[in-house]
Amino acid sequence: MNGVTTNKNGKEEDFFLTQLLGARAYVQSRKIGKLKDLVAVDQGKVAEVTHFQIARPFGDAALLVPLQKVRSFSPREIVLDIEDPKSYVREPSTNEVFLRDYLLDKKVLDVEGREVEVVYDILLAVTSNRIYVVDVDISRYGLLVRLGLKGLAAFLHKHVGAAQKRLIPWSYVQSLPPQLGTLEGDLNLSILKEKLSEIHPVDLADILEELDSSQRALLLRGLDTEHASDTLEEIDPAVQRDIVFSLSKERVAELIGEMTPGQAADIVSVLPAAEKRKILKLLEPAQAAKIDEILEKQDTTILHFASANVFKCSPETTVEQARNKLREAAKSMDVVMYFYIVDESDKLLGVIDIREAFVAQDSEQLKDLMTENVISLHKDATMKQAVDMFLRYGFRALPVTDENDIILGVVLYRDVMQLKHRILE
């Protein structure tokens, strides 16, 4: 039998390495040993498990059984599809990584040699009959499990939260040396300690585009929803479609729920009609209605593409105050390219490019820096008018206003230009 099934129902699951170690190994209902280690091959962005190392009793040499010969496995037992165990006795090759032997309890250092933590466990994921090393666990939760205090670890996890599980994606771990032998020293990261949770979506998009379908899904799954959504927006459209098809409807809905209507419509447009309907039902009704109207071309006025989640300030705000406010609010903003200066009724008074604000003096007020002659789109403007405006002026975003100059939202260049081919052509 080729391939691996995690349980009798064939359900794919995640496992921590320490959950599996010590599981009894069977051949045709006969116990032949216990799982001693897993062997993986480091592929840079990911590592893939290739063999199970089975320790045998009475001093017999350990077996290295290819994953294809593992019929099923769980934390309790492993069923092997082999005939002569002796034929699986061999020395490991130099590029094979023994996860337990080489990686557990290693110090983790960032690119400047600063200690991050210790590897207490390793998260594995089974997908498409393959097993990948997803993350290394550097949390106190992992340490408690290692010490045999699973009950305490579960209690803390329940009452303190999943944030106590600190996982570093394997893609952030520097490639392991080709001649491992027994790996000594530390495990090095390809990023700085303080940047572990701050990898820019553009850089993550580059990583994803280099992986195959199942590997992309694994890496994207490890990100929080907002970060994953921002990353998905930056990915090449062809790869983007592949990722969307590989995710569950619920996960797709979570990701596009963080996007502007235009961005969401562009991604949903690649799905079959039945899938579109299912995903739209999972969204907030107001957002689903906007996306549906864009997709069906029933109403292509530019307001349906606009995001109201933009950065607004009063004229008397100082540059220093605006910067501090931006640092707090930027993660929830869809548009952070410009500061929009408004009065107490949200009437648009001016605009400042964020780059200009960051080189200005701290004490300067925004009213003294803003451009008062603001180029904007009326709420009833069409997609064609928006395209013409972007091409004429070269802005990255345009505000949308009503007849009283009240700002209703901002539309992004990317949203309009990505959708124009489908709506206008």
Protein backbone atom coordinates (compact mmCIF):
# COMPACT_ATOMS: atom_id res chain seq x y z
CA MET A 1 0.00 0.00 0.00
CA ASN A 2 1.44 3.36 -1.03
CA GLY A 3 0.99 6.47 1.09
CA VAL A 4 0.13 7.16 4.69
CA THR A 5 -3.17 7.51 6.49
CA THR A 6 -3.25 9.08 9.92
CA ASN A 7 -6.24 7.12 11.16
CA LYS A 8 -8.91 4.69 10.09
CA ASN A 9 -11.04 7.45 8.59
CA GLY A 10 -8.18 8.82 6.52
CA LYS A 11 -8.57 12.23 8.15
CA GLU A 12 -5.57 14.52 7.83
CA GLU A 13 -4.22 15.82 11.12
CA ASP A 14 -1.45 17.78 12.80
CA PHE A 15 0.90 16.16 15.29
CA PHE A 16 3.69 17.28 17.53
CA LEU A 17 6.75 15.06 17.24
CA THR A 18 6.73 14.21 20.94
CA GLN A 19 3.17 12.88 20.60
CA LEU A 20 4.38 10.23 18.19
CA LEU A 21 7.69 9.18 19.72
CA GLY A 22 7.40 5.82 21.44
CA ALA A 23 4.36 4.70 19.45
CA ARG A 24 4.35 0.90 18.98
CA ALA A 25 5.20 -0.31 15.48
CA TYR A 26 3.41 -3.35 14.02
CA VAL A 27 3.83 -5.57 10.97
CA GLN A 28 0.80 -7.79 10.34
CA SER A 29 -0.39 -7.40 13.96
CA ARG A 30 3.07 -8.34 15.28
CA LYS A 31 4.86 -5.74 17.35
CA ILE A 32 8.41 -5.20 16.09
CA GLY A 33 9.49 -2.10 18.00
CA LYS A 34 8.74 1.57 18.77
CA LEU A 35 9.08 4.85 16.90
CA LYS A 36 12.46 6.30 17.81
CA ASP A 37 12.63 9.24 15.40
CA LEU A 38 11.42 10.73 12.14
CA VAL A 39 13.77 11.42 9.26
CA ALA A 40 13.24 14.46 7.07
CA VAL A 41 15.00 16.09 4.13
CA ASP A 42 15.48 19.85 4.42
CA GLN A 43 14.30 21.58 1.25
CA GLY A 44 15.01 25.13 2.41
CA LYS A 45 11.50 26.56 2.68
CA VAL A 46 10.09 23.30 4.05
CA ALA A 47 11.31 19.95 5.31
CA GLU A 48 9.54 16.75 4.30
CA VAL A 49 9.46 13.56 6.35
CA THR A 50 10.78 10.62 4.32
CA HIS A 51 11.36 7.79 6.83
CA PHE A 52 10.26 6.46 10.20
CA GLN A 53 13.09 5.20 12.42
CA ILE A 54 11.93 2.15 14.37
CA ALA A 55 13.92 1.05 17.42
CA ARG A 56 13.87 -2.74 17.88
CA PRO A 57 14.27 -4.78 21.09
CA PHE A 58 17.13 -7.10 22.11
CA GLY A 59 19.81 -4.87 20.60
CA ASP A 60 18.69 -5.36 16.99
CA ALA A 61 19.64 -2.52 14.62
CA ALA A 62 17.03 0.21 14.09
CA LEU A 63 14.99 0.27 10.89
CA LEU A 64 14.63 3.17 8.46
CA VAL A 65 11.22 2.58 6.88
CA PRO A 66 10.22 4.81 3.92
CA LEU A 67 7.03 6.78 4.40
CA GLN A 68 5.48 4.91 1.47
CA LYS A 69 5.69 1.74 3.58
CA VAL A 70 3.80 3.28 6.51
CA ARG A 71 0.21 2.13 6.17
CA SER A 72 -1.11 4.25 9.06
CA PHE A 73 0.10 5.96 12.19
CA SER A 74 -1.20 7.64 15.34
CA PRO A 75 0.26 8.58 18.74
CA ARG A 76 -0.53 5.03 19.89
CA GLU A 77 0.54 2.78 17.02
CA ILE A 78 2.21 2.59 13.64
CA VAL A 79 1.30 -0.03 11.06
CA LEU A 80 4.01 -0.89 8.54
CA ASP A 81 3.55 -2.57 5.18
CA ILE A 82 6.86 -4.44 4.98
CA GLU A 83 7.88 -8.11 4.70
CA ASP A 84 11.51 -8.49 5.75
CA PRO A 85 12.44 -5.92 8.44
CA LYS A 86 16.15 -6.67 8.03
CA SER A 87 16.08 -5.18 4.52
CA TYR A 88 15.33 -1.76 6.08
CA VAL A 89 18.49 -1.63 8.15
CA ARG A 90 20.88 0.95 6.72
CA GLU A 91 23.00 3.96 7.62
CA PRO A 92 21.38 7.38 7.08
CA SER A 93 22.58 9.55 4.20
CA THR A 94 24.27 12.89 4.92
CA ASN A 95 21.27 15.02 3.93
CA GLU A 96 18.74 13.21 6.14
CA VAL A 97 17.69 15.08 9.29
CA PHE A 98 16.76 13.11 12.42
CA LEU A 99 14.21 15.44 13.97
CA ARG A 100 14.50 14.22 17.54
CA ASP A 101 18.22 13.62 17.56
CA TYR A 102 19.33 16.70 15.64
CA LEU A 103 16.78 19.39 16.51
CA LEU A 104 15.07 18.90 19.87
CA ASP A 105 16.64 20.94 22.69
CA LYS A 106 18.73 23.00 20.27
CA LYS A 107 19.06 26.72 20.94
CA VAL A 108 17.43 28.98 18.35
CA LEU A 109 19.49 32.01 17.30
CA ASP A 110 18.50 34.90 15.03
CA VAL A 111 20.71 36.32 12.27
CA GLU A 112 22.62 38.44 14.78
CA GLY A 113 23.36 35.46 16.98
CA ARG A 114 20.92 36.43 19.73
CA GLU A 115 19.20 33.60 21.53
CA VAL A 116 15.47 33.30 20.87
CA GLU A 117 14.61 30.13 22.80
CA VAL A 118 15.05 26.36 22.76
CA VAL A 119 13.30 23.90 20.44
CA TYR A 120 11.00 21.95 22.73
CA ASP A 121 8.90 20.30 20.04
CA ILE A 122 8.27 20.14 16.30
CA LEU A 123 4.86 20.52 14.61
CA LEU A 124 4.12 18.14 11.73
CA ALA A 125 1.28 18.28 9.22
CA VAL A 126 -0.05 15.49 7.03
CA THR A 127 -1.41 16.55 3.65
CA SER A 128 -1.83 14.72 0.36
CA ASN A 129 -0.15 11.60 1.83
CA ARG A 130 2.96 13.60 2.70
CA ILE A 131 4.26 14.79 6.06
CA TYR A 132 5.85 18.20 6.42
CA VAL A 133 7.76 19.89 9.21
CA VAL A 134 5.63 22.99 9.70
CA ASP A 135 6.99 24.76 12.79
CA VAL A 136 9.46 24.48 15.62
CA ASP A 137 7.88 25.02 19.06
CA ILE A 138 9.82 27.30 21.42
CA SER A 139 7.05 27.77 23.99
CA ARG A 140 6.85 26.92 27.67
CA TYR A 141 3.80 24.86 26.67
CA GLY A 142 6.11 22.65 24.63
CA LEU A 143 8.53 22.38 27.54
CA LEU A 144 5.79 21.23 29.92
CA VAL A 145 4.71 18.54 27.45
CA ARG A 146 8.34 17.40 27.16
CA LEU A 147 8.54 17.12 30.94
CA GLY A 148 5.50 14.87 30.97
CA LEU A 149 3.20 17.54 32.45
CA LYS A 150 0.59 17.34 29.71
CA GLY A 151 -2.27 18.05 32.14
CA LEU A 152 -0.69 21.29 33.35
CA ALA A 153 0.17 22.28 29.77
CA ALA A 154 -3.44 21.70 28.67
CA PHE A 155 -4.75 23.70 31.63
CA LEU A 156 -2.49 26.65 30.88
CA HIS A 157 -3.33 26.49 27.19
CA LYS A 158 -7.05 26.56 27.98
CA HIS A 159 -6.87 29.42 30.47
CA VAL A 160 -4.00 31.48 29.05
CA GLY A 161 -4.62 30.96 25.35
CA ALA A 162 -3.03 29.68 22.17
CA ALA A 163 -0.62 32.64 22.15
CA GLN A 164 1.45 30.70 24.67
CA LYS A 165 2.26 28.27 21.87
CA ARG A 166 5.12 30.12 20.21
CA LEU A 167 5.80 28.51 16.85
CA ILE A 168 8.45 29.49 14.32
CA PRO A 169 7.66 28.46 10.71
CA TRP A 170 10.29 26.18 9.19
CA SER A 171 10.60 28.62 6.27
CA TYR A 172 12.32 31.05 8.68
CA VAL A 173 14.97 28.49 9.63
CA GLN A 174 18.21 28.75 7.68
CA SER A 175 19.04 25.78 5.47
CA LEU A 176 20.73 23.06 7.47
CA PRO A 177 24.32 22.08 6.64
CA PRO A 178 24.62 19.38 3.94
CA GLN A 179 26.95 17.23 6.07
CA LEU A 180 24.92 16.78 9.25
CA GLY A 181 26.47 13.75 10.91
CA THR A 182 25.09 14.54 14.36
CA LEU A 183 24.14 18.20 14.27
CA GLU A 184 25.98 20.14 16.96
CA GLY A 185 25.62 23.77 17.91
CA ASP A 186 22.54 25.89 17.41
CA LEU A 187 19.60 26.22 15.03
CA ASN A 188 19.88 29.49 13.12
CA LEU A 189 17.03 31.65 11.83
CA SER A 190 17.05 33.66 8.62
CA ILE A 191 15.37 36.62 10.35
CA LEU A 192 15.86 38.87 13.36
CA LYS A 193 14.37 37.91 16.71
CA GLU A 194 12.01 40.89 16.85
CA LYS A 195 10.80 40.24 13.29
CA LEU A 196 9.42 36.73 13.82
CA SER A 197 5.83 37.93 13.62
CA GLU A 198 6.48 40.89 11.34
CA ILE A 199 7.54 39.40 8.02
CA HIS A 200 6.11 41.70 5.34
CA PRO A 201 3.31 40.21 3.21
CA VAL A 202 5.31 40.94 0.05
CA ASP A 203 8.21 38.82 1.33
CA LEU A 204 5.84 36.06 2.43
CA ALA A 205 4.26 36.15 -1.03
CA ASP A 206 7.70 35.53 -2.56
CA ILE A 207 8.14 32.50 -0.28
CA LEU A 208 4.73 31.09 -1.19
CA GLU A 209 5.29 31.46 -4.92
CA GLU A 210 8.35 29.19 -4.68
CA LEU A 211 6.45 26.32 -3.04
CA ASP A 212 4.12 23.66 -4.41
CA SER A 213 0.37 23.66 -3.71
CA SER A 214 0.35 21.64 -0.50
CA GLN A 215 3.34 23.53 0.90
CA ARG A 216 1.68 26.89 0.18
CA ALA A 217 -1.42 25.84 2.09
CA LEU A 218 0.69 24.80 5.07
CA LEU A 219 2.62 28.05 5.24
CA LEU A 220 -0.46 30.22 4.75
CA ARG A 221 -2.26 28.26 7.44
CA GLY A 222 0.40 29.21 9.97
CA LEU A 223 -0.33 32.95 9.64
CA ASP A 224 -3.00 34.85 11.52
CA THR A 225 -6.01 35.79 9.38
CA GLU A 226 -5.07 39.43 8.81
CA HIS A 227 -1.48 38.62 7.88
CA ALA A 228 -2.57 35.76 5.62
CA SER A 229 -5.12 38.01 3.90
CA ASP A 230 -2.53 40.72 3.24
CA THR A 231 -0.14 38.09 1.90
CA LEU A 232 -2.76 36.58 -0.41
CA GLU A 233 -3.34 40.01 -1.95
CA GLU A 234 0.36 40.25 -2.88
CA ILE A 235 0.60 36.90 -4.61
CA ASP A 236 0.71 36.48 -8.39
CA PRO A 237 -2.88 35.94 -9.69
CA ALA A 238 -2.10 32.50 -11.12
CA VAL A 239 -0.67 31.31 -7.79
CA GLN A 240 -3.46 33.11 -5.96
CA ARG A 241 -6.06 31.02 -7.77
CA ASP A 242 -4.19 27.82 -6.92
CA ILE A 243 -4.14 28.74 -3.24
CA VAL A 244 -7.82 29.68 -3.15
CA PHE A 245 -8.78 26.31 -4.65
CA SER A 246 -6.65 24.50 -2.03
CA LEU A 247 -8.29 26.18 0.99
CA SER A 248 -11.59 25.44 2.67
CA LYS A 249 -14.53 27.75 1.96
CA GLU A 250 -14.48 28.88 5.57
CA ARG A 251 -10.81 29.87 5.38
CA VAL A 252 -11.32 31.72 2.07
CA ALA A 253 -14.21 33.63 3.66
CA GLU A 254 -12.01 34.56 6.63
CA LEU A 255 -9.28 35.88 4.35
CA ILE A 256 -11.44 37.90 1.97
CA GLY A 257 -13.38 39.23 4.95
CA GLU A 258 -10.24 41.27 5.71
CA MET A 259 -10.07 42.72 2.17
CA THR A 260 -11.70 45.63 0.39
CA PRO A 261 -14.73 44.67 -1.75
CA GLY A 262 -12.71 45.10 -4.93
CA GLN A 263 -9.88 42.87 -3.75
CA ALA A 264 -12.34 40.27 -2.50
CA ALA A 265 -14.31 40.31 -5.77
CA ASP A 266 -11.15 39.75 -7.79
CA ILE A 267 -10.31 36.62 -5.78
CA VAL A 268 -13.86 35.24 -5.62
CA SER A 269 -14.24 35.74 -9.38
CA VAL A 270 -12.00 32.72 -10.09
CA LEU A 271 -14.31 30.32 -8.26
CA PRO A 272 -17.16 28.30 -9.76
CA ALA A 273 -20.61 29.88 -9.29
CA ALA A 274 -21.67 27.39 -6.61
CA GLU A 275 -18.50 28.01 -4.59
CA LYS A 276 -18.97 31.78 -4.89
CA ARG A 277 -22.45 31.56 -3.44
CA LYS A 278 -21.29 29.41 -0.52
CA ILE A 279 -18.46 31.81 0.34
CA LEU A 280 -20.63 34.92 0.03
CA LYS A 281 -23.07 33.38 2.52
CA LEU A 282 -20.22 33.14 5.05
CA LEU A 283 -19.43 36.87 4.83
CA GLU A 284 -21.02 39.86 6.51
CA PRO A 285 -24.20 40.64 4.51
CA ALA A 286 -23.13 44.20 3.62
CA GLN A 287 -19.76 43.09 2.28
CA ALA A 288 -21.28 40.13 0.46
CA ALA A 289 -23.78 42.43 -1.23
CA LYS A 290 -21.04 44.76 -2.49
CA ILE A 291 -18.96 41.87 -3.79
CA ASP A 292 -21.99 40.30 -5.45
CA GLU A 293 -22.90 43.56 -7.17
CA ILE A 294 -19.37 43.91 -8.49
CA LEU A 295 -19.32 40.33 -9.75
CA GLU A 296 -22.74 40.53 -11.36
CA LYS A 297 -22.05 43.99 -12.87
CA GLN A 298 -25.44 45.13 -11.64
CA ASP A 299 -24.03 48.36 -10.26
CA THR A 300 -20.46 49.31 -11.02
CA THR A 301 -20.38 52.74 -9.40
CA ILE A 302 -17.04 53.29 -7.75
CA LEU A 303 -18.46 53.50 -4.24
CA HIS A 304 -18.86 49.72 -4.23
CA PHE A 305 -15.07 49.39 -4.55
CA ALA A 306 -14.28 51.87 -1.81
CA SER A 307 -13.07 51.06 1.68
CA ALA A 308 -14.19 53.24 4.57
CA ASN A 309 -11.35 51.90 6.71
CA VAL A 310 -8.89 54.74 6.04
CA PHE A 311 -6.67 57.06 8.07
CA LYS A 312 -8.32 60.40 8.88
CA CYS A 313 -6.97 63.26 10.98
CA SER A 314 -8.06 66.75 12.02
CA PRO A 315 -6.21 69.77 10.58
CA GLU A 316 -4.70 70.66 13.99
CA THR A 317 -3.10 67.23 14.44
CA THR A 318 0.70 67.46 14.62
CA VAL A 319 2.99 65.27 12.59
CA GLU A 320 4.16 63.51 15.76
CA GLN A 321 0.58 62.82 16.86
CA ALA A 322 -0.32 61.50 13.41
CA ARG A 323 2.65 59.15 13.38
CA ASN A 324 1.78 57.77 16.81
CA LYS A 325 -1.85 57.34 15.82
CA LEU A 326 -0.81 55.59 12.61
CA ARG A 327 1.40 53.10 14.46
CA GLU A 328 -1.59 52.05 16.57
CA ALA A 329 -4.15 52.00 13.77
CA ALA A 330 -2.18 50.86 10.71
CA LYS A 331 -2.86 47.14 11.16
CA SER A 332 -6.59 47.68 10.83
CA MET A 333 -6.39 50.20 7.98
CA ASP A 334 -6.94 49.19 4.35
CA VAL A 335 -5.33 52.39 3.04
CA VAL A 336 -2.20 53.76 4.74
CA MET A 337 -0.70 55.58 1.75
CA TYR A 338 -2.22 58.96 2.58
CA PHE A 339 -3.43 60.98 5.55
CA TYR A 340 -6.89 62.38 4.80
CA ILE A 341 -7.54 65.65 6.62
CA VAL A 342 -11.18 66.13 7.61
CA ASP A 343 -13.29 68.40 9.82
CA GLU A 344 -15.66 67.20 12.55
CA SER A 345 -18.32 66.29 9.95
CA ASP A 346 -15.83 64.25 7.84
CA LYS A 347 -15.69 66.90 5.12
CA LEU A 348 -12.49 66.34 3.14
CA LEU A 349 -10.19 69.35 3.55
CA GLY A 350 -6.90 68.02 2.24
CA VAL A 351 -4.53 65.10 1.78
CA ILE A 352 -0.90 64.34 2.68
CA ASP A 353 1.26 61.59 1.24
CA ILE A 354 2.45 59.46 4.16
CA ARG A 355 6.04 59.75 2.93
CA GLU A 356 5.91 63.54 3.25
CA ALA A 357 4.55 63.29 6.77
CA PHE A 358 7.39 61.05 7.91
CA VAL A 359 10.09 63.55 6.86
CA ALA A 360 8.33 66.62 8.29
CA GLN A 361 9.06 68.23 11.65
CA ASP A 362 7.26 66.67 14.62
CA SER A 363 5.66 69.94 15.68
CA GLU A 364 4.20 70.86 12.29
CA GLN A 365 0.43 70.69 11.97
CA LEU A 366 -1.12 68.72 9.15
CA LYS A 367 -3.08 71.76 7.91
CA ASP A 368 0.24 73.41 7.03
CA LEU A 369 1.42 70.41 5.00
CA MET A 370 -1.75 69.20 3.28
CA THR A 371 -2.65 69.60 -0.37
CA GLU A 372 -6.01 71.41 -0.37
CA ASN A 373 -6.87 70.87 -4.03
CA VAL A 374 -7.81 67.20 -3.61
CA ILE A 375 -8.47 65.06 -6.68
CA SER A 376 -11.45 62.87 -5.76
CA LEU A 377 -14.14 60.69 -7.27
CA HIS A 378 -17.84 61.36 -6.83
CA LYS A 379 -19.75 58.49 -5.25
CA ASP A 380 -21.69 57.95 -8.50
CA ALA A 381 -18.54 57.83 -10.67
CA THR A 382 -18.22 54.76 -12.89
CA MET A 383 -15.41 52.26 -13.11
CA LYS A 384 -14.32 53.78 -16.42
CA GLN A 385 -14.08 57.24 -14.86
CA ALA A 386 -11.98 55.84 -12.04
CA VAL A 387 -9.63 54.09 -14.48
CA ASP A 388 -9.23 57.32 -16.46
CA MET A 389 -8.52 59.27 -13.27
CA PHE A 390 -5.86 56.84 -12.08
CA LEU A 391 -4.16 56.80 -15.48
CA ARG A 392 -4.26 60.61 -15.68
CA TYR A 393 -2.86 61.42 -12.23
CA GLY A 394 -0.92 58.31 -11.20
CA PHE A 395 -2.21 58.22 -7.62
CA ARG A 396 -2.10 55.01 -5.56
CA ALA A 397 -5.53 55.69 -4.09
CA LEU A 398 -8.37 58.16 -4.62
CA PRO A 399 -10.93 59.38 -2.09
CA VAL A 400 -14.64 59.00 -2.86
CA THR A 401 -16.88 61.90 -1.77
CA ASP A 402 -20.50 63.00 -1.98
CA GLU A 403 -21.86 66.33 -3.24
CA ASN A 404 -20.90 67.98 0.09
CA ASP A 405 -17.29 66.71 -0.06
CA ILE A 406 -17.92 64.26 2.79
CA ILE A 407 -15.39 61.44 2.43
CA LEU A 408 -17.19 58.10 2.08
CA GLY A 409 -14.20 55.92 1.45
CA VAL A 410 -11.08 55.43 -0.60
CA VAL A 411 -10.58 53.25 -3.65
CA LEU A 412 -7.21 51.65 -4.41
CA TYR A 413 -5.44 51.76 -7.76
CA ARG A 414 -4.83 48.03 -7.54
CA ASP A 415 -8.50 47.19 -7.02
CA VAL A 416 -9.64 49.21 -10.00
CA MET A 417 -6.91 48.14 -12.41
CA GLN A 418 -7.23 44.44 -11.53
CA LEU A 419 -10.99 44.47 -12.12
CA LYS A 420 -11.24 46.77 -15.13
CA HIS A 421 -10.45 43.98 -17.61
CA ARG A 422 -13.43 41.98 -16.41
CA ILE A 423 -15.93 44.81 -16.07
CA LEU A 424 -14.98 47.10 -18.93
CA GLU A 425 -13.72 44.67 -21.57
